């Protein structure tokens, strides 16, 4: 189970970052909000939502919540 502070990577896009939020739904798939650890070319930190089944945990509790 993916948790807050885990370093994860999306299986499809390869996007890697830290889980900063988890959305749990009564009916539907749970989601995680992953924040990149670097600033993009536009000077922004990218955050993207992913299905929990679409990410691989690279390091558990890389950041303590």
PDB file of N, CA and C in Angstrom:
ATOM      1  N   UNK A   1       0.844  -1.186   0.000  1.00  0.00           N
ATOM      2  CA  UNK A   1       0.000   0.000   0.000  1.00  0.00           C
ATOM      3  C   UNK A   1       0.882   1.239   0.000  1.00  0.00           C
ATOM      4  N   UNK A   2       0.611   2.119  -0.913  1.00  0.00           N
ATOM      5  CA  UNK A   2       1.365   3.363  -1.028  1.00  0.00           C
ATOM      6  C   UNK A   2       0.955   4.313   0.091  1.00  0.00           C
ATOM      7  N   UNK A   3       1.924   4.959   0.712  1.00  0.00           N
ATOM      8  CA  UNK A   3       1.617   5.856   1.821  1.00  0.00           C
ATOM      9  C   UNK A   3       2.282   7.204   1.676  1.00  0.00           C
ATOM     10  N   UNK A   4       1.884   8.124   2.537  1.00  0.00           N
ATOM     11  CA  UNK A   4       2.466   9.466   2.536  1.00  0.00           C
ATOM     12  C   UNK A   4       3.968   9.391   2.762  1.00  0.00           C
ATOM     13  N   UNK A   5       4.706  10.164   1.982  1.00  0.00           N
ATOM     14  CA  UNK A   5       6.147  10.216   2.130  1.00  0.00           C
ATOM     15  C   UNK A   5       6.911   9.187   1.321  1.00  0.00           C
ATOM     16  N   UNK A   6       6.217   8.248   0.677  1.00  0.00           N
ATOM     17  CA  UNK A   6       6.897   7.244  -0.148  1.00  0.00           C
ATOM     18  C   UNK A   6       7.406   7.873  -1.435  1.00  0.00           C
ATOM     19  N   UNK A   7       8.570   7.435  -1.892  1.00  0.00           N
ATOM     20  CA  UNK A   7       9.070   7.837  -3.216  1.00  0.00           C
ATOM     21  C   UNK A   7       8.543   6.787  -4.188  1.00  0.00           C
ATOM     22  N   UNK A   8       7.842   7.236  -5.218  1.00  0.00           N
ATOM     23  CA  UNK A   8       7.197   6.325  -6.165  1.00  0.00           C
ATOM     24  C   UNK A   8       7.520   6.735  -7.605  1.00  0.00           C
ATOM     25  N   UNK A   9       7.236   5.805  -8.514  1.00  0.00           N
ATOM     26  CA  UNK A   9       7.385   6.072  -9.940  1.00  0.00           C
ATOM     27  C   UNK A   9       6.167   5.514 -10.658  1.00  0.00           C
ATOM     28  N   UNK A  10       5.640   6.271 -11.617  1.00  0.00           N
ATOM     29  CA  UNK A  10       4.517   5.810 -12.418  1.00  0.00           C
ATOM     30  C   UNK A  10       5.015   4.799 -13.441  1.00  0.00           C
ATOM     31  N   UNK A  11       4.315   3.673 -13.564  1.00  0.00           N
ATOM     32  CA  UNK A  11       4.716   2.596 -14.467  1.00  0.00           C
ATOM     33  C   UNK A  11       4.666   3.017 -15.928  1.00  0.00           C
ATOM     34  N   UNK A  12       3.751   3.895 -16.289  1.00  0.00           N
ATOM     35  CA  UNK A  12       3.557   4.268 -17.688  1.00  0.00           C
ATOM     36  C   UNK A  12       4.468   5.421 -18.110  1.00  0.00           C
ATOM     37  N   UNK A  13       4.445   6.511 -17.349  1.00  0.00           N
ATOM     38  CA  UNK A  13       5.171   7.721 -17.754  1.00  0.00           C
ATOM     39  C   UNK A  13       6.589   7.801 -17.199  1.00  0.00           C
ATOM     40  N   UNK A  14       6.853   7.075 -16.109  1.00  0.00           N
ATOM     41  CA  UNK A  14       8.154   7.166 -15.462  1.00  0.00           C
ATOM     42  C   UNK A  14       8.280   8.343 -14.521  1.00  0.00           C
ATOM     43  N   UNK A  15       7.192   9.129 -14.369  1.00  0.00           N
ATOM     44  CA  UNK A  15       7.200  10.279 -13.457  1.00  0.00           C
ATOM     45  C   UNK A  15       7.532   9.785 -12.051  1.00  0.00           C
ATOM     46  N   UNK A  16       8.494  10.437 -11.412  1.00  0.00           N
ATOM     47  CA  UNK A  16       8.958  10.022 -10.091  1.00  0.00           C
ATOM     48  C   UNK A  16       8.838  11.180  -9.114  1.00  0.00           C
ATOM     49  N   UNK A  17       8.463  10.846  -7.872  1.00  0.00           N
ATOM     50  CA  UNK A  17       8.367  11.875  -6.846  1.00  0.00           C
ATOM     51  C   UNK A  17       7.904  11.306  -5.519  1.00  0.00           C
ATOM     52  N   UNK A  18       7.473  12.200  -4.646  1.00  0.00           N
ATOM     53  CA  UNK A  18       7.052  11.860  -3.290  1.00  0.00           C
ATOM     54  C   UNK A  18       5.536  11.954  -3.188  1.00  0.00           C
ATOM     55  N   UNK A  19       4.917  10.958  -2.551  1.00  0.00           N
ATOM     56  CA  UNK A  19       3.469  10.975  -2.330  1.00  0.00           C
ATOM     57  C   UNK A  19       3.166  12.017  -1.256  1.00  0.00           C
ATOM     58  N   UNK A  20       2.358  13.034  -1.630  1.00  0.00           N
ATOM     59  CA  UNK A  20       2.035  14.103  -0.679  1.00  0.00           C
ATOM     60  C   UNK A  20       0.564  14.091  -0.276  1.00  0.00           C
ATOM     61  N   UNK A  21      -0.250  13.250  -0.945  1.00  0.00           N
ATOM     62  CA  UNK A  21      -1.672  13.138  -0.586  1.00  0.00           C
ATOM     63  C   UNK A  21      -2.206  11.800  -1.093  1.00  0.00           C
ATOM     64  N   UNK A  22      -3.206  11.307  -0.377  1.00  0.00           N
ATOM     65  CA  UNK A  22      -3.882  10.068  -0.771  1.00  0.00           C
ATOM     66  C   UNK A  22      -5.379  10.334  -0.761  1.00  0.00           C
ATOM     67  N   UNK A  23      -6.053   9.957  -1.843  1.00  0.00           N
ATOM     68  CA  UNK A  23      -7.507  10.115  -1.931  1.00  0.00           C
ATOM     69  C   UNK A  23      -8.141   8.726  -1.920  1.00  0.00           C
ATOM     70  N   UNK A  24      -9.002   8.490  -0.936  1.00  0.00           N
ATOM     71  CA  UNK A  24      -9.684   7.206  -0.807  1.00  0.00           C
ATOM     72  C   UNK A  24     -11.153   7.409  -1.114  1.00  0.00           C
ATOM     73  N   UNK A  25     -11.673   6.599  -2.028  1.00  0.00           N
ATOM     74  CA  UNK A  25     -13.049   6.734  -2.474  1.00  0.00           C
ATOM     75  C   UNK A  25     -13.882   5.542  -2.027  1.00  0.00           C
ATOM     76  N   UNK A  26     -15.135   5.791  -1.726  1.00  0.00           N
ATOM     77  CA  UNK A  26     -16.055   4.729  -1.356  1.00  0.00           C
ATOM     78  C   UNK A  26     -16.283   3.788  -2.528  1.00  0.00           C
ATOM     79  N   UNK A  27     -16.502   4.359  -3.702  1.00  0.00           N
ATOM     80  CA  UNK A  27     -16.689   3.575  -4.925  1.00  0.00           C
ATOM     81  C   UNK A  27     -15.697   4.078  -5.953  1.00  0.00           C
ATOM     82  N   UNK A  28     -14.692   3.311  -6.244  1.00  0.00           N
ATOM     83  CA  UNK A  28     -13.690   3.721  -7.220  1.00  0.00           C
ATOM     84  C   UNK A  28     -12.296   3.417  -6.740  1.00  0.00           C
ATOM     85  N   UNK A  29     -11.351   3.794  -7.547  1.00  0.00           N
ATOM     86  CA  UNK A  29      -9.944   3.503  -7.272  1.00  0.00           C
ATOM     87  C   UNK A  29      -9.311   4.617  -6.459  1.00  0.00           C
ATOM     88  N   UNK A  30      -8.495   4.236  -5.495  1.00  0.00           N
ATOM     89  CA  UNK A  30      -7.771   5.221  -4.698  1.00  0.00           C
ATOM     90  C   UNK A  30      -6.686   5.862  -5.556  1.00  0.00           C
ATOM     91  N   UNK A  31      -6.370   7.116  -5.227  1.00  0.00           N
ATOM     92  CA  UNK A  31      -5.383   7.885  -5.976  1.00  0.00           C
ATOM     93  C   UNK A  31      -4.316   8.427  -5.038  1.00  0.00           C
ATOM     94  N   UNK A  32      -3.131   8.675  -5.593  1.00  0.00           N
ATOM     95  CA  UNK A  32      -2.065   9.343  -4.843  1.00  0.00           C
ATOM     96  C   UNK A  32      -1.623  10.579  -5.615  1.00  0.00           C
ATOM     97  N   UNK A  33      -1.321  11.644  -4.883  1.00  0.00           N
ATOM     98  CA  UNK A  33      -0.787  12.862  -5.485  1.00  0.00           C
ATOM     99  C   UNK A  33       0.727  12.822  -5.312  1.00  0.00           C
ATOM    100  N   UNK A  34       1.435  12.826  -6.453  1.00  0.00           N
ATOM    101  CA  UNK A  34       2.888  12.702  -6.432  1.00  0.00           C
ATOM    102  C   UNK A  34       3.503  14.042  -6.830  1.00  0.00           C
ATOM    103  N   UNK A  35       4.423  14.511  -5.993  1.00  0.00           N
ATOM    104  CA  UNK A  35       5.104  15.784  -6.239  1.00  0.00           C
ATOM    105  C   UNK A  35       6.541  15.506  -6.679  1.00  0.00           C
ATOM    106  N   UNK A  36       6.920  16.089  -7.826  1.00  0.00           N
ATOM    107  CA  UNK A  36       8.296  15.955  -8.304  1.00  0.00           C
ATOM    108  C   UNK A  36       9.251  16.587  -7.302  1.00  0.00           C
ATOM    109  N   UNK A  37      10.464  16.101  -7.278  1.00  0.00           N
ATOM    110  CA  UNK A  37      11.442  16.631  -6.326  1.00  0.00           C
ATOM    111  C   UNK A  37      12.333  17.711  -6.928  1.00  0.00           C
ATOM    112  N   UNK A  38      12.079  18.028  -8.190  1.00  0.00           N
ATOM    113  CA  UNK A  38      12.848  19.089  -8.812  1.00  0.00           C
ATOM    114  C   UNK A  38      11.914  20.079  -9.505  1.00  0.00           C
ATOM    115  N   UNK A  39      12.418  21.237  -9.762  1.00  0.00           N
ATOM    116  CA  UNK A  39      11.647  22.288 -10.426  1.00  0.00           C
ATOM    117  C   UNK A  39      11.755  22.076 -11.930  1.00  0.00           C
ATOM    118  N   UNK A  40      10.632  22.236 -12.643  1.00  0.00           N
ATOM    119  CA  UNK A  40      10.652  22.039 -14.101  1.00  0.00           C
ATOM    120  C   UNK A  40      11.228  23.264 -14.808  1.00  0.00           C
ATOM    121  N   UNK A  41      11.272  23.230 -16.134  1.00  0.00           N
ATOM    122  CA  UNK A  41      11.874  24.312 -16.923  1.00  0.00           C
ATOM    123  C   UNK A  41      11.120  25.636 -16.802  1.00  0.00           C
ATOM    124  N   UNK A  42       9.856  25.571 -16.338  1.00  0.00           N
ATOM    125  CA  UNK A  42       9.060  26.788 -16.148  1.00  0.00           C
ATOM    126  C   UNK A  42       9.184  27.343 -14.731  1.00  0.00           C
ATOM    127  N   UNK A  43      10.022  26.723 -13.915  1.00  0.00           N
ATOM    128  CA  UNK A  43      10.222  27.183 -12.551  1.00  0.00           C
ATOM    129  C   UNK A  43       9.141  26.728 -11.584  1.00  0.00           C
ATOM    130  N   UNK A  44       8.423  25.659 -11.933  1.00  0.00           N
ATOM    131  CA  UNK A  44       7.336  25.157 -11.087  1.00  0.00           C
ATOM    132  C   UNK A  44       7.622  23.739 -10.598  1.00  0.00           C
ATOM    133  N   UNK A  45       7.022  23.404  -9.476  1.00  0.00           N
ATOM    134  CA  UNK A  45       7.074  22.034  -8.972  1.00  0.00           C
ATOM    135  C   UNK A  45       5.810  21.338  -9.461  1.00  0.00           C
ATOM    136  N   UNK A  46       5.984  20.250 -10.192  1.00  0.00           N
ATOM    137  CA  UNK A  46       4.860  19.532 -10.785  1.00  0.00           C
ATOM    138  C   UNK A  46       4.275  18.546  -9.784  1.00  0.00           C
ATOM    139  N   UNK A  47       2.937  18.514  -9.705  1.00  0.00           N
ATOM    140  CA  UNK A  47       2.209  17.546  -8.888  1.00  0.00           C
ATOM    141  C   UNK A  47       1.175  16.878  -9.781  1.00  0.00           C
ATOM    142  N   UNK A  48       1.137  15.537  -9.773  1.00  0.00           N
ATOM    143  CA  UNK A  48       0.210  14.790 -10.618  1.00  0.00           C
ATOM    144  C   UNK A  48      -0.480  13.688  -9.813  1.00  0.00           C
ATOM    145  N   UNK A  49      -1.763  13.438 -10.140  1.00  0.00           N
ATOM    146  CA  UNK A  49      -2.526  12.359  -9.510  1.00  0.00           C
ATOM    147  C   UNK A  49      -2.341  11.070 -10.303  1.00  0.00           C
ATOM    148  N   UNK A  50      -2.155   9.948  -9.594  1.00  0.00           N
ATOM    149  CA  UNK A  50      -2.026   8.640 -10.213  1.00  0.00           C
ATOM    150  C   UNK A  50      -2.867   7.615  -9.458  1.00  0.00           C
ATOM    151  N   UNK A  51      -3.377   6.657 -10.191  1.00  0.00           N
ATOM    152  CA  UNK A  51      -4.053   5.504  -9.610  1.00  0.00           C
ATOM    153  C   UNK A  51      -3.019   4.741  -8.779  1.00  0.00           C
ATOM    154  N   UNK A  52      -3.415   4.256  -7.609  1.00  0.00           N
ATOM    155  CA  UNK A  52      -2.455   3.557  -6.742  1.00  0.00           C
ATOM    156  C   UNK A  52      -1.873   2.312  -7.408  1.00  0.00           C
ATOM    157  N   UNK A  53      -2.624   1.690  -8.301  1.00  0.00           N
ATOM    158  CA  UNK A  53      -2.112   0.497  -8.978  1.00  0.00           C
ATOM    159  C   UNK A  53      -1.128   0.841 -10.088  1.00  0.00           C
ATOM    160  N   UNK A  54      -1.001   2.117 -10.434  1.00  0.00           N
ATOM    161  CA  UNK A  54      -0.129   2.541 -11.527  1.00  0.00           C
ATOM    162  C   UNK A  54       1.255   2.968 -11.054  1.00  0.00           C
ATOM    163  N   UNK A  55       1.476   2.973  -9.737  1.00  0.00           N
ATOM    164  CA  UNK A  55       2.771   3.407  -9.233  1.00  0.00           C
ATOM    165  C   UNK A  55       3.517   2.270  -8.556  1.00  0.00           C
ATOM    166  N   UNK A  56       4.841   2.380  -8.601  1.00  0.00           N
ATOM    167  CA  UNK A  56       5.734   1.426  -7.948  1.00  0.00           C
ATOM    168  C   UNK A  56       6.446   2.163  -6.838  1.00  0.00           C
ATOM    169  N   UNK A  57       6.496   1.566  -5.658  1.00  0.00           N
ATOM    170  CA  UNK A  57       7.213   2.187  -4.536  1.00  0.00           C
ATOM    171  C   UNK A  57       8.711   1.970  -4.724  1.00  0.00           C
ATOM    172  N   UNK A  58       9.463   3.062  -4.778  1.00  0.00           N
ATOM    173  CA  UNK A  58      10.913   2.998  -4.903  1.00  0.00           C
ATOM    174  C   UNK A  58      11.572   3.010  -3.529  1.00  0.00           C
ATOM    175  N   UNK A  59      10.968   3.773  -2.601  1.00  0.00           N
ATOM    176  CA  UNK A  59      11.497   3.872  -1.240  1.00  0.00           C
ATOM    177  C   UNK A  59      10.358   4.233  -0.303  1.00  0.00           C
ATOM    178  N   UNK A  60      10.146   3.393   0.697  1.00  0.00           N
ATOM    179  CA  UNK A  60       9.094   3.688   1.678  1.00  0.00           C
ATOM    180  C   UNK A  60       9.586   4.753   2.643  1.00  0.00           C
ATOM    181  N   UNK A  61       8.690   5.675   2.984  1.00  0.00           N
ATOM    182  CA  UNK A  61       8.953   6.751   3.942  1.00  0.00           C
ATOM    183  C   UNK A  61      10.259   7.496   3.631  1.00  0.00           C
ATOM    184  N   UNK A  62      10.433   7.863   2.363  1.00  0.00           N
ATOM    185  CA  UNK A  62      11.599   8.662   1.972  1.00  0.00           C
ATOM    186  C   UNK A  62      11.565  10.014   2.654  1.00  0.00           C
ATOM    187  N   UNK A  63      10.342  10.492   2.928  1.00  0.00           N
ATOM    188  CA  UNK A  63      10.123  11.738   3.662  1.00  0.00           C
ATOM    189  C   UNK A  63       9.116  11.430   4.756  1.00  0.00           C
ATOM    190  N   UNK A  64       9.401  11.797   5.969  1.00  0.00           N
ATOM    191  CA  UNK A  64       8.468  11.553   7.080  1.00  0.00           C
ATOM    192  C   UNK A  64       7.387  12.619   7.085  1.00  0.00           C
ATOM    193  N   UNK A  65       6.108  12.188   7.059  1.00  0.00           N
ATOM    194  CA  UNK A  65       5.005  13.177   7.099  1.00  0.00           C
ATOM    195  C   UNK A  65       4.878  13.790   8.484  1.00  0.00           C
TER     196      UNK A  65
END
